[in-house]
Amino acid sequence: MSVGLVGPMPPPAGGMAGQTAQLRDLLSREGVRVVFVATNAAYRPAFVGRIRGLRAAFRMVPYVRTLWRCAGQVDVLHIMANSGWSWHMYAAPAIWIGRIRRRTVVVNYRGGDAARFLAKSAAWIAPTIARADAIAVPSRFLGDVFARHGVASVVLPNIIDRARFHAMQRPQASANILVARHLEPIYDIGTAIRAFAIVVRERPHARLTIAGDGPERQPMIALAAQLGVADCVTFTGQVDRERIAVLLRESDIALNPSRIDNMPNSVLEALASGVPVVSTDVGGVNHVVTHERTALLIPSADPDAMAAALLRVIDDPELASRLRANGLADVEQYTWPNVREQLFSIYRSAGVARAAAAETA
């Protein structure tokens, strides 16, 4: 089999880019010939990346040309897709080129903001979605979103790298809290810092590490200073997945403060690292973890509830131990040996659908 894999590559290290990089390596190890097409290739010349409007054209022309060439060389076109402008610029052209070149097209849709995007743009994107042979989503949450718009999908979970993300045996001796999300509005780092300020009043030894970067970096640094916790908060900036794995093993709690989410890799990586999770109960998060069993779930944008949950984990070793053990058990379903057969089954089923469509055309 040969697969054309279309998607972003790190940096940044997390999210869809991390899953794309991992999938490329895993498929190659299975003997699949992978032809990769990057949706975030470097601008050439580099200065074009600083010019709005012009930069889109400079990226789109070589992207479409590379897509066309790739589609002529592979059996399956596996497209990593997201909501908003990313769909229109990258996923839609890949789907249409795959259809024109009569290749099996699998759309791996991963946008946590899918409900709002589909509600707003369903009429525009429906003809494109109809050209895909399969829609794969990481969770039942997104499957339900698509179903409400009459689109059938299959669940293909995110893949967790257990060689990189694994637990380390050590006592819970501190209150080191890790947030591993980009500093963007949807991840609500501000609520995490406000909650941490409450925690520090109760447990002065607590520490917060924010691993990621983004447009809200300076405002969040200013907020930590304003709340008087700047000395207790570390902003690492952008880090790669190896460093994230180390930071998780050094942490006592992983905090996910998102306002919008689907199947966050940061939560899966925390479970695999044996780190208790406190997360907002948004989007598909409750399809990944269960309240009181594998995580403590709280409302979004509620620093008081977030602080209370963090303090529960800090103060209750038995709770922390239970969350850790259950998380380690549950995360096995997201390892490659378990996801592998699901992926190849989707490829086979989509290929059958493509052949049937060709016969009736």
Protein backbone atom coordinates (compact mmCIF):
# COMPACT_ATOMS: atom_id res chain seq x y z
CA MET A 1 0.00 0.00 0.00
CA SER A 2 1.06 3.57 -0.59
CA VAL A 3 -0.43 6.49 1.32
CA GLY A 4 -0.29 10.19 0.59
CA LEU A 5 -0.31 11.85 4.01
CA VAL A 6 -1.39 15.50 3.93
CA GLY A 7 -0.99 17.58 7.07
CA PRO A 8 1.20 19.86 9.18
CA MET A 9 4.51 18.95 10.74
CA PRO A 10 6.10 20.30 13.94
CA PRO A 11 6.82 22.95 15.02
CA PRO A 12 4.65 23.50 16.95
CA ALA A 13 5.04 20.09 18.51
CA GLY A 14 1.56 19.28 19.76
CA GLY A 15 -1.89 18.68 18.35
CA MET A 16 -2.42 17.73 14.74
CA ALA A 17 1.21 18.28 13.77
CA GLY A 18 2.39 15.80 16.39
CA GLN A 19 -0.17 13.22 15.28
CA THR A 20 0.82 13.71 11.63
CA ALA A 21 4.51 13.20 12.35
CA GLN A 22 3.79 10.14 14.44
CA LEU A 23 1.48 8.60 11.85
CA ARG A 24 4.04 9.08 9.09
CA ASP A 25 6.67 7.21 11.12
CA LEU A 26 4.32 4.41 12.21
CA LEU A 27 3.01 3.76 8.70
CA SER A 28 6.56 3.67 7.34
CA ARG A 29 7.53 1.08 9.96
CA GLU A 30 4.61 -1.06 8.78
CA GLY A 31 6.09 -1.14 5.29
CA VAL A 32 3.66 1.40 3.85
CA ARG A 33 5.18 3.75 1.29
CA VAL A 34 4.31 7.22 2.59
CA VAL A 35 4.39 10.29 0.36
CA PHE A 36 4.13 13.32 2.61
CA VAL A 37 2.64 16.70 1.69
CA ALA A 38 3.14 19.45 4.27
CA THR A 39 0.40 22.01 4.77
CA ASN A 40 2.80 24.27 6.68
CA ALA A 41 5.85 24.15 4.44
CA ALA A 42 8.31 27.00 4.82
CA TYR A 43 7.69 30.10 2.72
CA ARG A 44 10.05 30.58 -0.19
CA PRO A 45 11.46 33.19 -0.17
CA ALA A 46 11.25 33.49 3.62
CA PHE A 47 10.31 37.19 3.70
CA VAL A 48 6.97 36.37 2.02
CA GLY A 49 5.77 34.90 5.33
CA ARG A 50 5.61 38.43 6.76
CA ILE A 51 3.25 39.74 4.06
CA ARG A 52 -0.44 39.03 4.63
CA GLY A 53 -2.36 38.04 1.52
CA LEU A 54 0.72 37.48 -0.58
CA ARG A 55 1.98 34.68 1.65
CA ALA A 56 -1.17 32.59 1.07
CA ALA A 57 -0.62 32.65 -2.69
CA PHE A 58 3.06 31.76 -2.34
CA ARG A 59 2.16 28.74 -0.21
CA MET A 60 -0.90 27.58 -2.17
CA VAL A 61 0.69 27.32 -5.61
CA PRO A 62 3.47 24.85 -4.64
CA TYR A 63 1.06 23.09 -2.27
CA VAL A 64 -1.47 22.32 -5.02
CA ARG A 65 1.30 21.30 -7.41
CA THR A 66 2.76 18.90 -4.81
CA LEU A 67 -0.70 17.52 -4.03
CA TRP A 68 -1.36 16.75 -7.68
CA ARG A 69 1.94 14.94 -8.03
CA CYS A 70 1.39 13.00 -4.78
CA ALA A 71 -2.12 11.89 -5.76
CA GLY A 72 -0.71 10.34 -8.91
CA GLN A 73 1.65 8.13 -6.89
CA VAL A 74 -0.47 6.67 -4.07
CA ASP A 75 -3.42 4.38 -3.38
CA VAL A 76 -4.89 6.38 -0.49
CA LEU A 77 -4.89 10.09 0.25
CA HIS A 78 -5.05 10.55 4.05
CA ILE A 79 -5.90 14.19 4.77
CA MET A 80 -5.48 15.69 8.24
CA ALA A 81 -8.24 18.33 8.39
CA ASN A 82 -9.24 21.12 10.75
CA SER A 83 -11.94 23.78 11.03
CA GLY A 84 -12.06 27.27 9.57
CA TRP A 85 -9.65 28.68 7.03
CA SER A 86 -7.44 25.58 7.35
CA TRP A 87 -10.26 23.49 5.85
CA HIS A 88 -10.74 25.80 2.88
CA MET A 89 -7.03 26.29 2.14
CA TYR A 90 -5.66 22.78 2.71
CA ALA A 91 -8.27 20.05 3.18
CA ALA A 92 -10.70 21.04 0.43
CA PRO A 93 -8.09 21.23 -2.38
CA ALA A 94 -6.68 17.86 -1.31
CA ILE A 95 -10.12 16.22 -1.36
CA TRP A 96 -10.96 17.55 -4.81
CA ILE A 97 -7.58 16.60 -6.26
CA GLY A 98 -7.92 13.12 -4.80
CA ARG A 99 -11.36 12.77 -6.34
CA ILE A 100 -10.24 14.09 -9.75
CA ARG A 101 -7.32 11.68 -9.77
CA ARG A 102 -9.62 8.80 -8.68
CA ARG A 103 -7.79 7.99 -5.47
CA THR A 104 -9.27 6.72 -2.21
CA VAL A 105 -9.75 9.79 0.00
CA VAL A 106 -9.82 9.52 3.81
CA VAL A 107 -10.44 12.76 5.69
CA ASN A 108 -9.12 12.64 9.27
CA TYR A 109 -11.05 15.58 10.75
CA ARG A 110 -9.69 16.85 14.07
CA GLY A 111 -11.08 20.35 14.71
CA GLY A 112 -12.34 20.88 18.25
CA ASP A 113 -14.44 23.81 16.96
CA ALA A 114 -16.26 21.57 14.48
CA ALA A 115 -19.76 22.23 15.82
CA ARG A 116 -19.56 25.97 15.23
CA PHE A 117 -17.73 25.56 11.91
CA LEU A 118 -20.25 23.10 10.49
CA ALA A 119 -23.22 25.12 11.73
CA LYS A 120 -21.85 28.18 9.97
CA SER A 121 -20.42 26.61 6.81
CA ALA A 122 -22.27 23.32 6.25
CA ALA A 123 -23.81 24.41 2.94
CA TRP A 124 -20.41 25.50 1.62
CA ILE A 125 -18.44 22.42 2.63
CA ALA A 126 -21.07 19.69 2.09
CA PRO A 127 -20.20 19.17 -1.62
CA THR A 128 -16.54 18.72 -0.68
CA ILE A 129 -17.22 16.33 2.21
CA ALA A 130 -19.39 14.26 -0.13
CA ARG A 131 -16.31 13.65 -2.32
CA ALA A 132 -14.46 11.87 0.50
CA ASP A 133 -14.67 8.08 0.72
CA ALA A 134 -14.43 8.12 4.53
CA ILE A 135 -14.54 10.67 7.33
CA ALA A 136 -12.52 9.60 10.37
CA VAL A 137 -12.80 11.51 13.66
CA PRO A 138 -10.86 11.02 16.92
CA SER A 139 -13.87 10.70 19.23
CA ARG A 140 -17.58 9.98 19.45
CA PHE A 141 -18.02 13.65 20.32
CA LEU A 142 -16.98 14.71 16.81
CA GLY A 143 -18.87 11.78 15.33
CA ASP A 144 -22.06 13.11 16.92
CA VAL A 145 -21.32 16.60 15.57
CA PHE A 146 -21.05 15.28 12.02
CA ALA A 147 -24.10 13.08 12.44
CA ARG A 148 -26.20 16.13 13.25
CA HIS A 149 -25.34 17.37 9.77
CA GLY A 150 -26.13 14.05 8.10
CA VAL A 151 -22.49 13.00 7.65
CA ALA A 152 -21.45 9.47 8.61
CA SER A 153 -18.05 9.02 10.24
CA VAL A 154 -15.89 6.42 11.93
CA VAL A 155 -13.83 6.85 15.09
CA LEU A 156 -10.05 6.72 14.72
CA PRO A 157 -8.50 7.61 18.10
CA ASN A 158 -5.40 9.70 18.57
CA ILE A 159 -2.25 7.63 18.96
CA ILE A 160 -0.14 7.94 22.09
CA ASP A 161 3.60 7.19 21.93
CA ARG A 162 4.15 4.94 24.96
CA ALA A 163 7.89 4.78 24.31
CA ARG A 164 8.10 8.53 24.89
CA PHE A 165 5.26 9.07 27.38
CA HIS A 166 5.55 6.68 30.29
CA ALA A 167 5.21 6.79 34.06
CA MET A 168 8.08 7.18 36.46
CA GLN A 169 7.87 5.63 39.89
CA ARG A 170 8.21 8.39 42.48
CA PRO A 171 6.25 9.61 45.47
CA GLN A 172 3.98 12.61 45.08
CA ALA A 173 6.24 14.91 47.05
CA SER A 174 5.25 18.32 45.80
CA ALA A 175 2.54 20.30 44.03
CA ASN A 176 4.03 20.85 40.58
CA ILE A 177 1.25 21.68 38.11
CA LEU A 178 1.80 21.54 34.34
CA VAL A 179 -0.24 23.18 31.59
CA ALA A 180 0.93 21.93 28.19
CA ARG A 181 -1.14 24.01 25.77
CA HIS A 182 -0.44 26.84 23.36
CA LEU A 183 -0.97 30.35 24.69
CA GLU A 184 -4.08 31.09 22.66
CA PRO A 185 -7.54 32.30 23.77
CA ILE A 186 -9.27 28.92 23.30
CA TYR A 187 -6.94 27.28 25.82
CA ASP A 188 -7.78 29.87 28.52
CA ILE A 189 -4.40 30.03 30.23
CA GLY A 190 -5.68 33.05 32.17
CA THR A 191 -8.13 30.91 34.14
CA ALA A 192 -5.33 28.47 34.94
CA ILE A 193 -3.18 31.28 36.36
CA ARG A 194 -6.10 32.70 38.38
CA ALA A 195 -6.83 29.24 39.79
CA PHE A 196 -3.17 28.76 40.62
CA ALA A 197 -3.12 32.06 42.52
CA ILE A 198 -5.89 30.64 44.74
CA VAL A 199 -3.94 27.39 45.21
CA VAL A 200 -0.77 29.24 46.23
CA ARG A 201 -2.63 31.04 49.02
CA GLU A 202 -3.41 27.59 50.49
CA ARG A 203 -0.24 25.77 49.47
CA PRO A 204 2.68 28.23 49.12
CA HIS A 205 5.01 25.49 47.88
CA ALA A 206 2.94 24.93 44.70
CA ARG A 207 4.51 25.65 41.33
CA LEU A 208 2.99 26.10 37.87
CA THR A 209 4.76 25.41 34.57
CA ILE A 210 3.18 26.60 31.33
CA ALA A 211 4.74 24.72 28.41
CA GLY A 212 3.84 26.38 25.14
CA ASP A 213 3.93 29.63 23.27
CA GLY A 214 1.54 31.86 21.40
CA PRO A 215 0.08 35.34 21.07
CA GLU A 216 -1.02 35.50 24.72
CA ARG A 217 2.43 34.92 26.19
CA GLN A 218 3.08 38.52 27.27
CA PRO A 219 -0.46 39.14 28.61
CA MET A 220 -0.20 35.94 30.65
CA ILE A 221 3.20 36.91 32.06
CA ALA A 222 1.66 40.25 33.04
CA LEU A 223 -1.33 38.50 34.66
CA ALA A 224 0.95 36.30 36.77
CA ALA A 225 2.79 39.40 37.95
CA GLN A 226 -0.48 41.22 38.66
CA LEU A 227 -1.72 38.31 40.80
CA GLY A 228 1.56 38.14 42.69
CA VAL A 229 2.53 34.65 41.54
CA ALA A 230 5.21 35.47 38.96
CA ASP A 231 7.92 33.84 41.09
CA CYS A 232 5.92 30.59 41.18
CA VAL A 233 5.06 30.39 37.45
CA THR A 234 7.49 29.26 34.75
CA PHE A 235 6.82 30.01 31.07
CA THR A 236 8.98 27.60 29.09
CA GLY A 237 8.10 28.89 25.63
CA GLN A 238 7.76 26.42 22.78
CA VAL A 239 9.03 22.95 23.63
CA ASP A 240 9.33 19.74 21.64
CA ARG A 241 7.65 16.46 22.52
CA GLU A 242 10.75 15.05 24.22
CA ARG A 243 10.81 17.99 26.60
CA ILE A 244 7.05 17.72 27.22
CA ALA A 245 7.55 14.07 28.21
CA VAL A 246 10.22 15.07 30.72
CA LEU A 247 8.08 17.90 32.14
CA LEU A 248 5.18 15.49 32.62
CA ARG A 249 7.31 13.02 34.53
CA GLU A 250 8.41 15.90 36.79
CA SER A 251 4.81 17.02 37.43
CA ASP A 252 2.23 16.05 40.04
CA ILE A 253 -0.85 17.32 38.19
CA ALA A 254 -1.61 18.00 34.51
CA LEU A 255 -4.10 20.84 34.06
CA ASN A 256 -6.13 21.34 30.89
CA PRO A 257 -8.04 24.68 31.08
CA SER A 258 -9.47 24.70 27.53
CA ARG A 259 -12.67 26.43 26.48
CA ILE A 260 -12.91 24.27 23.32
CA ASP A 261 -11.48 20.79 22.86
CA ASN A 262 -11.93 17.50 21.07
CA MET A 263 -9.51 14.74 22.07
CA PRO A 264 -6.58 16.67 23.56
CA ASN A 265 -3.23 14.96 23.10
CA SER A 266 -1.99 16.74 26.22
CA VAL A 267 -4.52 14.82 28.32
CA LEU A 268 -3.63 11.47 26.74
CA GLU A 269 0.07 12.16 27.25
CA ALA A 270 -0.56 12.96 30.91
CA LEU A 271 -2.48 9.71 31.40
CA ALA A 272 0.33 7.75 29.76
CA SER A 273 2.85 9.50 32.02
CA GLY A 274 0.98 8.52 35.16
CA VAL A 275 0.07 12.12 36.00
CA PRO A 276 -3.36 12.91 37.56
CA VAL A 277 -5.45 15.13 35.30
CA VAL A 278 -7.66 18.11 36.11
CA SER A 279 -9.54 19.31 33.03
CA THR A 280 -12.44 21.42 31.93
CA ASP A 281 -15.43 19.38 30.84
CA VAL A 282 -15.70 20.77 27.32
CA GLY A 283 -16.22 19.24 23.89
CA GLY A 284 -15.03 15.66 23.71
CA VAL A 285 -12.96 15.62 26.90
CA ASN A 286 -15.52 13.48 28.75
CA HIS A 287 -15.18 10.90 25.97
CA VAL A 288 -11.49 10.60 26.90
CA VAL A 289 -11.61 10.71 30.69
CA THR A 290 -14.25 9.98 33.34
CA HIS A 291 -14.87 12.29 36.27
CA GLU A 292 -13.52 10.93 39.55
CA ARG A 293 -12.16 7.83 37.81
CA THR A 294 -9.41 9.02 35.44
CA ALA A 295 -9.62 12.79 35.96
CA LEU A 296 -11.37 15.55 37.84
CA LEU A 297 -13.62 17.48 35.45
CA ILE A 298 -14.72 21.05 36.08
CA PRO A 299 -16.65 23.78 34.24
CA SER A 300 -14.65 26.03 31.91
CA ALA A 301 -13.67 29.58 32.87
CA ASP A 302 -14.22 28.86 36.59
CA PRO A 303 -11.01 29.51 38.54
CA ASP A 304 -12.62 28.70 41.92
CA ALA A 305 -13.73 25.23 40.76
CA MET A 306 -10.36 24.67 39.09
CA ALA A 307 -8.48 25.61 42.25
CA ALA A 308 -10.70 23.37 44.38
CA ALA A 309 -10.00 20.40 42.10
CA LEU A 310 -6.25 21.05 42.13
CA LEU A 311 -6.25 21.24 45.92
CA ARG A 312 -8.18 17.96 46.14
CA VAL A 313 -5.47 16.16 44.16
CA ILE A 314 -2.68 17.85 46.13
CA ASP A 315 -4.20 17.01 49.49
CA ASP A 316 -5.56 13.52 48.81
CA PRO A 317 -2.83 10.98 47.92
CA GLU A 318 -5.39 8.19 47.59
CA LEU A 319 -7.35 10.17 44.99
CA ALA A 320 -4.17 10.99 43.09
CA SER A 321 -3.13 7.33 43.14
CA ARG A 322 -6.54 6.19 41.87
CA LEU A 323 -6.57 8.70 39.02
CA ARG A 324 -3.03 7.71 38.08
CA ALA A 325 -3.69 3.94 38.03
CA ASN A 326 -6.97 4.19 36.12
CA GLY A 327 -5.45 6.61 33.61
CA LEU A 328 -2.55 4.28 32.89
CA ALA A 329 -4.96 1.41 32.29
CA ASP A 330 -7.30 3.36 30.02
CA VAL A 331 -4.62 4.94 27.85
CA GLU A 332 -3.62 1.57 26.41
CA GLN A 333 -6.53 1.79 23.96
CA TYR A 334 -4.72 4.68 22.27
CA THR A 335 -1.49 2.80 21.56
CA TRP A 336 -0.47 1.89 18.01
CA PRO A 337 -1.15 -1.88 18.29
CA ASN A 338 -4.78 -1.08 19.14
CA VAL A 339 -5.27 1.79 16.68
CA ARG A 340 -3.40 0.11 13.81
CA GLU A 341 -6.15 -2.32 12.82
CA GLN A 342 -8.78 0.41 13.00
CA LEU A 343 -6.78 2.57 10.60
CA PHE A 344 -6.16 -0.19 8.05
CA SER A 345 -9.80 -1.22 8.26
CA ILE A 346 -10.78 2.34 7.36
CA TYR A 347 -8.39 2.29 4.40
CA ARG A 348 -9.86 -1.01 3.18
CA SER A 349 -13.48 0.07 3.61
CA ALA A 350 -12.84 3.42 1.92
CA GLY A 351 -11.15 1.63 -0.98
CA VAL A 352 -14.17 -0.61 -1.42
CA ALA A 353 -16.44 2.46 -1.37
CA ARG A 354 -14.26 4.16 -4.00
CA ALA A 355 -14.33 1.09 -6.25
CA ALA A 356 -18.11 0.83 -5.94
CA ALA A 357 -18.53 4.50 -6.76
CA ALA A 358 -16.31 4.12 -9.82
CA GLU A 359 -18.40 1.23 -11.10
CA THR A 360 -21.63 3.21 -10.85
CA ALA A 361 -20.17 6.43 -12.29
